[in-house]
Amino acid sequence: MFLQLAIGSLLMVASILIAGLAYWALEALLSRSRPWLMRDPHRPKLALVMTVTVLWVLGMVTIGVWLWAVTLRFLDVFITMEASVYFSLVAFTTLGFGDILLPQEWRLLAGLACLREQPEVDSNQTAAIGFCFGGLSVLDLARTGADIAAEM
């Protein structure tokens, strides 16, 4: 599980750096265009700036999706690149259809791991309780064979 956490953390840092560089580049582009943008007419230029900004953010998110997809494919988490891209895109949009899932060993049990690291917790007596989506998560946790005393 440490390897998955480390790879996920590196990918998140890379995504944040890409976003930061993209925002910096957009700001530099708009700063250079300032004299032109300040001249009349303003409305078409405002529409252009908004359109460029939206497309810029879309491009930044697309780069993040592909970064994750290529990494997942490189690590043989998914058999095809199509499945890697599809999973990454669904995960990025937070839809989580559930029609394609990571293999069990790649599902991070971060909540359970964090709980067990707390000094006041007896890791031999942890249980999981959930309702609705939490119930589904508890069932998935039980299916992984996680070392928990009870599921409800």
Protein backbone atom coordinates (compact mmCIF):
# COMPACT_ATOMS: atom_id res chain seq x y z
CA MET A 1 0.00 0.00 0.00
CA PHE A 2 2.96 2.36 0.57
CA LEU A 3 3.88 2.20 -3.12
CA GLN A 4 0.37 3.18 -4.18
CA LEU A 5 0.33 6.08 -1.68
CA ALA A 6 3.74 7.27 -2.85
CA ILE A 7 2.80 7.12 -6.54
CA GLY A 8 -0.54 8.82 -5.88
CA SER A 9 1.19 11.56 -3.86
CA LEU A 10 3.75 12.16 -6.62
CA LEU A 11 0.99 12.37 -9.20
CA MET A 12 -0.94 14.87 -7.07
CA VAL A 13 2.18 17.02 -6.64
CA ALA A 14 2.79 16.85 -10.40
CA SER A 15 -0.85 17.85 -11.07
CA ILE A 16 -0.53 20.80 -8.68
CA LEU A 17 2.73 21.92 -10.32
CA ILE A 18 1.15 21.65 -13.77
CA ALA A 19 -1.84 23.72 -12.59
CA GLY A 20 0.44 26.33 -11.03
CA LEU A 21 2.58 26.62 -14.16
CA ALA A 22 -0.53 26.80 -16.35
CA TYR A 23 -2.04 29.61 -14.26
CA TRP A 24 1.29 31.43 -14.27
CA ALA A 25 1.54 31.12 -18.06
CA LEU A 26 -2.05 32.36 -18.51
CA GLU A 27 -1.35 35.34 -16.26
CA ALA A 28 1.80 36.14 -18.27
CA LEU A 29 -0.17 35.92 -21.52
CA LEU A 30 -2.90 38.22 -20.22
CA SER A 31 -0.35 40.67 -18.80
CA ARG A 32 1.35 40.96 -22.19
CA SER A 33 -2.03 41.55 -23.81
CA ARG A 34 -3.03 44.25 -21.33
CA PRO A 35 -2.44 47.28 -23.60
CA TRP A 36 -4.55 45.73 -26.34
CA LEU A 37 -7.22 44.58 -23.88
CA MET A 38 -7.57 48.07 -22.39
CA ARG A 39 -8.48 49.68 -25.73
CA ASP A 40 -12.07 49.87 -26.92
CA PRO A 41 -14.20 47.82 -27.64
CA HIS A 42 -14.17 45.92 -24.35
CA ARG A 43 -17.06 43.46 -24.63
CA PRO A 44 -15.64 41.27 -27.42
CA LYS A 45 -12.28 41.24 -25.68
CA LEU A 46 -13.88 40.26 -22.39
CA ALA A 47 -15.65 37.40 -24.15
CA LEU A 48 -12.34 36.38 -25.71
CA VAL A 49 -10.54 36.47 -22.34
CA MET A 50 -13.28 34.36 -20.74
CA THR A 51 -13.20 31.85 -23.60
CA VAL A 52 -9.42 31.57 -23.50
CA THR A 53 -9.50 31.14 -19.71
CA VAL A 54 -12.11 28.36 -19.85
CA LEU A 55 -10.22 26.56 -22.62
CA TRP A 56 -6.96 27.01 -20.70
CA VAL A 57 -8.43 25.39 -17.58
CA LEU A 58 -9.93 22.60 -19.69
CA GLY A 59 -6.51 21.99 -21.21
CA MET A 60 -4.91 21.92 -17.77
CA VAL A 61 -7.43 19.34 -16.54
CA THR A 62 -6.93 17.30 -19.72
CA ILE A 63 -3.18 17.21 -19.08
CA GLY A 64 -3.86 15.98 -15.53
CA VAL A 65 -6.19 13.25 -16.79
CA TRP A 66 -3.59 12.05 -19.30
CA LEU A 67 -0.83 12.16 -16.68
CA TRP A 68 -2.82 9.82 -14.43
CA ALA A 69 -3.96 7.64 -17.36
CA VAL A 70 -0.44 7.14 -18.72
CA THR A 71 0.85 6.33 -15.24
CA LEU A 72 -1.93 3.81 -14.57
CA ARG A 73 -1.30 2.17 -17.95
CA PHE A 74 2.48 2.15 -17.45
CA LEU A 75 2.00 0.40 -14.10
CA ASP A 76 -0.30 -2.18 -15.78
CA VAL A 77 -3.18 -1.23 -13.49
CA PHE A 78 -5.46 -1.42 -16.54
CA ILE A 79 -5.04 -3.66 -19.57
CA THR A 80 -5.74 -0.97 -22.18
CA MET A 81 -4.97 2.71 -22.52
CA GLU A 82 -8.65 3.30 -23.23
CA ALA A 83 -9.62 1.91 -19.82
CA SER A 84 -6.91 4.01 -18.15
CA VAL A 85 -8.10 7.21 -19.82
CA TYR A 86 -11.75 6.42 -19.12
CA PHE A 87 -11.08 5.69 -15.43
CA SER A 88 -8.95 8.83 -15.04
CA LEU A 89 -11.56 11.02 -16.71
CA VAL A 90 -14.41 9.62 -14.61
CA ALA A 91 -12.33 10.00 -11.45
CA PHE A 92 -11.37 13.59 -12.33
CA THR A 93 -14.98 14.56 -12.94
CA THR A 94 -15.95 12.87 -9.64
CA LEU A 95 -18.79 11.01 -11.32
CA GLY A 96 -17.55 7.61 -10.19
CA PHE A 97 -19.96 5.55 -12.28
CA GLY A 98 -18.53 2.35 -10.78
CA ASP A 99 -18.52 0.59 -14.14
CA ILE A 100 -14.74 0.39 -14.11
CA LEU A 101 -12.80 0.05 -10.87
CA LEU A 102 -9.19 -0.09 -9.84
CA PRO A 103 -7.93 -3.55 -8.93
CA GLN A 104 -8.28 -4.32 -5.23
CA GLU A 105 -4.60 -3.81 -4.44
CA TRP A 106 -4.73 -0.27 -5.86
CA ARG A 107 -7.72 0.90 -3.85
CA LEU A 108 -6.28 3.00 -1.14
CA LEU A 109 -7.64 2.24 2.28
CA ALA A 110 -6.41 5.58 3.53
CA GLY A 111 -9.15 6.07 6.10
CA LEU A 112 -8.49 2.72 7.74
CA ALA A 113 -4.73 3.19 7.57
CA CYS A 114 -4.99 6.66 9.13
CA LEU A 115 -7.29 5.40 11.88
CA ARG A 116 -4.97 2.54 12.78
CA GLU A 117 -2.01 4.90 13.15
CA GLN A 118 -3.69 6.86 15.92
CA PRO A 119 -2.10 6.09 19.31
CA GLU A 120 -5.44 5.72 21.08
CA VAL A 121 -6.73 3.08 18.61
CA ASP A 122 -6.34 -0.66 19.13
CA SER A 123 -5.76 -1.76 15.54
CA ASN A 124 -6.95 -5.29 16.38
CA GLN A 125 -10.41 -4.04 17.32
CA THR A 126 -11.38 -1.70 14.49
CA ALA A 127 -14.78 -1.95 12.83
CA ALA A 128 -16.47 -0.24 9.89
CA ILE A 129 -20.03 1.10 9.89
CA GLY A 130 -21.74 2.85 6.98
CA PHE A 131 -25.08 3.87 5.56
CA CYS A 132 -25.95 4.51 1.89
CA PHE A 133 -22.65 5.32 0.12
CA GLY A 134 -20.82 4.64 3.38
CA GLY A 135 -22.48 1.22 3.46
CA LEU A 136 -21.22 0.49 -0.03
CA SER A 137 -17.75 1.58 1.07
CA VAL A 138 -17.92 -0.73 4.08
CA LEU A 139 -18.99 -3.63 1.85
CA ASP A 140 -16.11 -2.90 -0.51
CA LEU A 141 -13.76 -2.74 2.47
CA ALA A 142 -15.01 -6.14 3.65
CA ARG A 143 -14.57 -7.61 0.16
CA THR A 144 -10.91 -6.54 0.09
CA GLY A 145 -10.19 -8.77 3.06
CA ALA A 146 -9.09 -5.79 5.16
CA ASP A 147 -8.15 -6.69 8.71
CA ILE A 148 -11.18 -5.32 10.54
CA ALA A 149 -13.08 -6.93 13.40
CA ALA A 150 -16.61 -6.22 12.09
CA GLU A 151 -18.55 -4.59 9.25
CA MET A 152 -22.01 -3.12 9.52
